Amino acid sequence: EKLNFDIYKNGDYFRELAKQHSMDVTSFNMYVIEHPEIDRQIEQNAREYAKEHENLVIDARLGWYVVPESFKVYLKVDINEAARRAFYDAKRKSSENLQSIEEQKIDMQKRYQLENERYYNLYGVRKEDESNYDIVIDTTNMTAEQVTDIIIQEYEKWLEQ
């Protein structure tokens, strides 16, 4: 909003596909292992969207990979805080039916491993390899506003290079 950029969220697309297949997001992650064309479709959609739009934020695990000329940001967070945030995110409830923060944490760890395996087998990349990014921010103890300010500051420096 501060930069007046549009946002494209691969996760929303993935969750919508999971619903279309009548699966929760974790089951769909396992299903996609046997159907790599789905991952390719998801990444291709992000790539095409980026080509058609300027001033865009791509919120995607492999955004850095599919749009390599972009300013690449990696946001990390402690797993306990990530689980707490996810558990209380109302938008996730339609694709995740978890009963506690601890269940959320276990589910997130499982999906993280599934994604790492899929992305490495499909593309030969590791999303958590921090060398793939222009900036890495640990958001565990930060507000969204603080994170946004850092990203914008670093993005403006990147543009000057």
Foldseek 3Di string as FASTA:
>chain_A
DVQPAAEAELVVVLLVVCVVVVAASLVVLVVCLVVVVVVVVSLVVLLVVPVVDPRYHYHDLCNCPSCVVDQFEAEAEDLLLVLVVLVPPPVNVVRDPDDDSVSSSVSVVSSLVSVQVSCCVPPVDGSPPVVSHPYYYYCHPHDPVVVVVVVVVSVVVVVVD
